Protein backbone atom coordinates (compact mmCIF):
# COMPACT_ATOMS: atom_id res chain seq x y z
CA MET A 1 105.04 -14.34 73.75
CA LYS A 2 108.37 -15.45 72.28
CA LYS A 3 108.34 -12.50 69.90
CA ILE A 4 107.72 -10.12 72.83
CA ASN A 5 110.60 -11.64 74.81
CA GLU A 6 112.89 -11.41 71.80
CA LEU A 7 111.99 -7.76 71.32
CA ASN A 8 112.67 -7.02 74.98
CA SER A 9 116.07 -8.71 74.89
CA PHE A 10 117.05 -6.51 71.94
CA ASP A 11 115.47 -3.34 73.31
CA LYS A 12 117.45 -3.43 76.58
CA PRO A 13 120.89 -2.75 75.07
CA ARG A 14 119.40 -0.36 72.52
CA GLU A 15 117.68 1.68 75.22
CA LYS A 16 120.84 1.57 77.33
CA LEU A 17 122.78 3.00 74.39
CA ILE A 18 120.27 5.82 73.96
CA LYS A 19 120.25 6.62 77.67
CA LYS A 20 123.93 6.25 78.60
CA GLY A 21 125.86 6.32 75.33
CA VAL A 22 127.63 3.62 73.36
CA SER A 23 130.62 3.41 75.70
CA ALA A 24 128.37 2.19 78.53
CA LEU A 25 127.50 -1.04 76.72
CA LYS A 26 129.26 -4.36 77.21
CA ASP A 27 130.71 -6.16 74.22
CA TYR A 28 127.84 -8.62 73.86
CA GLU A 29 125.30 -5.79 74.06
CA LEU A 30 126.98 -4.04 71.13
CA VAL A 31 126.85 -7.28 69.15
CA ALA A 32 123.18 -7.71 70.08
CA ILE A 33 122.37 -4.35 68.52
CA LEU A 34 124.20 -5.36 65.35
CA LEU A 35 122.26 -8.63 65.15
CA GLY A 36 118.84 -7.25 66.02
CA SER A 37 117.32 -10.66 66.84
CA GLY A 38 118.15 -14.21 67.80
CA ILE A 39 116.62 -17.49 66.67
CA LYS A 40 114.09 -19.97 68.00
CA GLY A 41 115.45 -21.36 71.25
CA LYS A 42 118.32 -18.84 71.50
CA ASP A 43 117.69 -15.18 72.21
CA VAL A 44 119.85 -12.40 70.79
CA LEU A 45 121.87 -11.90 73.98
CA SER A 46 122.81 -15.58 74.22
CA LEU A 47 123.81 -15.59 70.56
CA SER A 48 125.81 -12.38 71.07
CA LYS A 49 127.76 -13.86 73.99
CA GLU A 50 128.84 -16.80 71.82
CA ILE A 51 130.08 -14.38 69.16
CA VAL A 52 131.97 -12.29 71.73
CA LYS A 53 133.70 -15.42 73.04
CA LEU A 54 134.91 -16.19 69.51
CA LEU A 55 136.09 -12.60 69.05
CA ARG A 56 138.07 -12.70 72.29
CA ASP A 57 139.64 -16.05 71.55
CA ASP A 58 140.72 -15.36 67.97
CA PHE A 59 139.81 -11.85 66.85
CA ASP A 60 142.49 -11.48 64.19
CA ARG A 61 141.41 -14.65 62.39
CA VAL A 62 137.63 -14.40 62.69
CA ASP A 63 136.05 -14.79 59.27
CA LEU A 64 132.69 -15.70 57.76
CA GLU A 65 133.40 -19.41 57.90
CA LYS A 66 134.23 -19.40 61.61
CA LEU A 67 131.19 -17.32 62.47
CA LEU A 68 128.92 -19.71 60.58
CA GLN A 69 130.03 -22.47 62.95
CA ILE A 70 128.02 -20.76 65.67
CA HIS A 71 124.63 -22.45 65.80
CA GLY A 72 121.87 -20.08 64.73
CA LEU A 73 124.03 -17.45 63.10
CA GLY A 74 123.01 -17.31 59.46
CA ARG A 75 124.96 -15.88 56.54
CA ALA A 76 123.28 -12.48 56.64
CA LYS A 77 124.05 -11.86 60.32
CA ALA A 78 127.52 -13.34 60.05
CA ALA A 79 128.19 -10.96 57.16
CA GLN A 80 127.12 -8.03 59.35
CA ILE A 81 129.60 -9.02 62.05
CA VAL A 82 132.45 -9.56 59.57
CA SER A 83 131.75 -6.15 58.03
CA ALA A 84 131.81 -4.46 61.44
CA ILE A 85 135.13 -6.16 62.25
CA GLU A 86 136.64 -5.01 58.96
CA LEU A 87 135.55 -1.42 59.59
CA ALA A 88 137.15 -1.59 63.05
CA LYS A 89 140.40 -2.84 61.53
CA ARG A 90 140.41 -0.13 58.87
CA TYR A 91 139.56 2.84 61.05
CA LEU A 92 139.76 2.22 64.79
CA ILE A 93 142.61 -0.21 65.32
CA LYS A 94 144.90 1.71 62.95
CA GLN A 95 144.56 4.79 65.13
CA ASN A 96 146.30 2.84 67.92
CA ARG A 97 145.67 5.58 70.46
CA LYS A 98 148.34 5.75 73.15
CA ILE A 99 147.88 7.51 76.48
CA THR A 100 151.13 8.96 77.83
CA SER A 101 150.04 12.00 79.88
CA ALA A 102 147.16 13.68 81.67
CA LYS A 103 146.84 15.97 78.64
CA ASP A 104 146.17 12.89 76.47
CA ILE A 105 143.45 11.85 78.92
CA TYR A 106 141.92 15.32 78.79
CA GLU A 107 141.85 15.28 75.00
CA GLU A 108 140.34 11.79 74.96
CA LEU A 109 137.52 12.94 77.26
CA ARG A 110 136.80 16.36 75.74
CA GLU A 111 133.12 15.53 75.25
CA TYR A 112 132.61 15.45 79.03
CA ARG A 113 134.04 18.89 79.82
CA ASP A 114 130.70 20.71 79.63
CA LYS A 115 128.40 18.04 81.08
CA LYS A 116 125.92 19.28 83.69
CA GLN A 117 126.19 16.07 85.71
CA GLU A 118 129.28 14.33 87.00
CA TYR A 119 130.45 11.48 84.79
CA PHE A 120 132.84 8.99 86.35
CA LEU A 121 134.84 7.20 83.66
CA ALA A 122 137.53 4.57 83.34
CA LEU A 123 140.11 4.15 80.59
CA TYR A 124 141.53 0.66 80.15
CA LEU A 125 145.03 0.30 78.71
CA ASP A 126 147.26 -2.52 77.52
CA GLY A 127 150.88 -3.00 78.58
CA ALA A 128 152.08 -0.39 76.09
CA ASN A 129 149.50 2.18 77.27
CA HIS A 130 147.35 1.80 74.16
CA LEU A 131 143.71 2.50 74.85
CA ILE A 132 141.61 -0.67 74.87
CA SER A 133 138.34 0.92 75.93
CA LYS A 134 136.82 3.87 77.76
CA ASN A 135 133.65 3.34 79.75
CA ILE A 136 131.14 5.34 81.76
CA ILE A 137 131.04 3.79 85.22
CA THR A 138 128.44 6.03 86.86
CA ILE A 139 126.61 9.31 86.35
CA GLY A 140 125.98 11.38 89.46
CA THR A 141 127.72 12.83 92.50
CA LEU A 142 131.01 11.14 93.27
CA ASN A 143 131.11 9.29 96.60
CA GLN A 144 132.38 6.03 98.03
CA SER A 145 129.00 4.30 98.05
CA LEU A 146 128.39 5.12 94.37
CA ILE A 147 131.86 4.21 93.07
CA HIS A 148 132.54 0.63 94.08
CA PRO A 149 135.82 -1.01 93.01
CA ARG A 150 133.99 -3.92 91.39
CA GLU A 151 132.34 -1.53 88.91
CA VAL A 152 135.76 -0.40 87.73
CA PHE A 153 137.79 -3.58 87.97
CA ALA A 154 135.24 -6.08 86.67
CA LEU A 155 135.74 -4.47 83.26
CA ALA A 156 139.50 -4.37 83.79
CA MET A 157 139.47 -8.15 84.24
CA GLU A 158 137.13 -8.58 81.28
CA TYR A 159 139.43 -6.57 78.99
CA ARG A 160 142.56 -8.20 80.48
CA CYS A 161 144.13 -4.78 80.67
CA ALA A 162 147.42 -3.91 82.32
CA SER A 163 146.41 -0.57 83.79
CA VAL A 164 143.46 1.72 84.44
CA ILE A 165 142.99 5.48 84.48
CA ILE A 166 139.96 6.98 86.20
CA ALA A 167 138.53 10.41 85.47
CA HIS A 168 135.51 12.54 86.20
CA ASN A 169 134.26 15.99 85.33
CA HIS A 170 133.43 18.81 87.73
CA PRO A 171 130.34 20.68 86.47
CA SER A 172 131.13 23.43 88.98
CA GLY A 173 134.30 24.26 87.05
CA SER A 174 136.53 23.74 90.08
CA LEU A 175 139.75 21.83 89.45
CA SER A 176 140.42 21.18 93.12
CA PRO A 177 139.88 17.58 94.25
CA SER A 178 137.30 17.19 96.99
CA LYS A 179 137.69 15.07 100.11
CA GLU A 180 135.44 12.47 98.43
CA ASP A 181 137.62 12.50 95.29
CA ILE A 182 140.68 11.69 97.36
CA GLN A 183 138.91 8.97 99.37
CA VAL A 184 137.56 7.27 96.25
CA THR A 185 140.99 7.38 94.61
CA LYS A 186 142.64 5.83 97.67
CA ARG A 187 140.06 3.04 97.80
CA LEU A 188 140.42 2.24 94.10
CA ARG A 189 144.23 2.30 94.30
CA GLU A 190 144.16 -0.20 97.18
CA SER A 191 141.90 -2.48 95.14
CA ALA A 192 144.14 -2.13 92.09
CA ASP A 193 147.18 -3.15 94.13
CA ILE A 194 145.40 -6.29 95.35
CA LEU A 195 144.40 -7.25 91.81
CA GLY A 196 147.80 -6.52 90.31
CA ILE A 197 146.39 -3.87 87.96
CA GLU A 198 148.10 -0.48 87.97
CA LEU A 199 145.96 2.59 88.60
CA LEU A 200 147.93 5.16 86.63
CA ASP A 201 146.05 8.36 87.39
CA HIS A 202 142.84 10.07 88.38
CA VAL A 203 142.09 13.13 86.29
CA ILE A 204 139.49 15.80 87.01
CA ILE A 205 138.30 17.65 83.91
CA THR A 206 136.45 20.91 83.36
CA LYS A 207 135.93 23.19 80.39
CA ASP A 208 138.97 25.21 81.52
CA GLY A 209 141.49 22.42 82.02
CA TYR A 210 142.36 19.37 84.09
CA PHE A 211 143.87 18.25 87.38
CA SER A 212 146.01 15.11 87.57
CA PHE A 213 146.42 13.24 90.85
CA ASP A 214 149.61 11.66 89.49
CA GLU A 215 151.20 14.94 88.37
CA ASN A 216 150.36 16.49 91.75
CA HIS A 217 151.67 13.43 93.63
CA ILE A 218 148.39 12.64 95.38
CA TYR A 219 148.30 8.92 96.12
């Protein structure tokens, strides 16, 4: 039974990745996929959350020795995490992507231009407008009941970001914002103001171009 439970705890983030894409996963779910399994008395998700806490507290100085202080994390799995961190430092962090315009947003989200369903996404930025993370919030028709502020801003709080950009694609090809688009944007902007997180823009993307709420002064 324990082996079945362990398999299930690993399969959930893996299946989520396959279904929704890697950007839909939380940090600890990504770590869980790297680890593959936990130990007796501590499943893979619990172990992953401990590792994520260490990464958040002291990412720049995480090394093999510090990881081995986590109970249940052996040398082999610790080595996997250290290797993944080093790859991130060599390739991802050095890119230091900065978002300064709606065009930058459009280029960052090119893969969603031709999607047949609507993807609602959020980009999380630091104080210098460097991209911290981009995440799929929902897949489906955009409306107020589907897009709840907590789905957007829970991640904003988790990433400790300074600002957020929201975006979604229009499979129809139309670049005109709908009534629902405007209502959702207003609701999210009000929530952002309460939380002290700046909502920089809402961008609609299609295969033919983009529409920026900020550039068109729609607030």
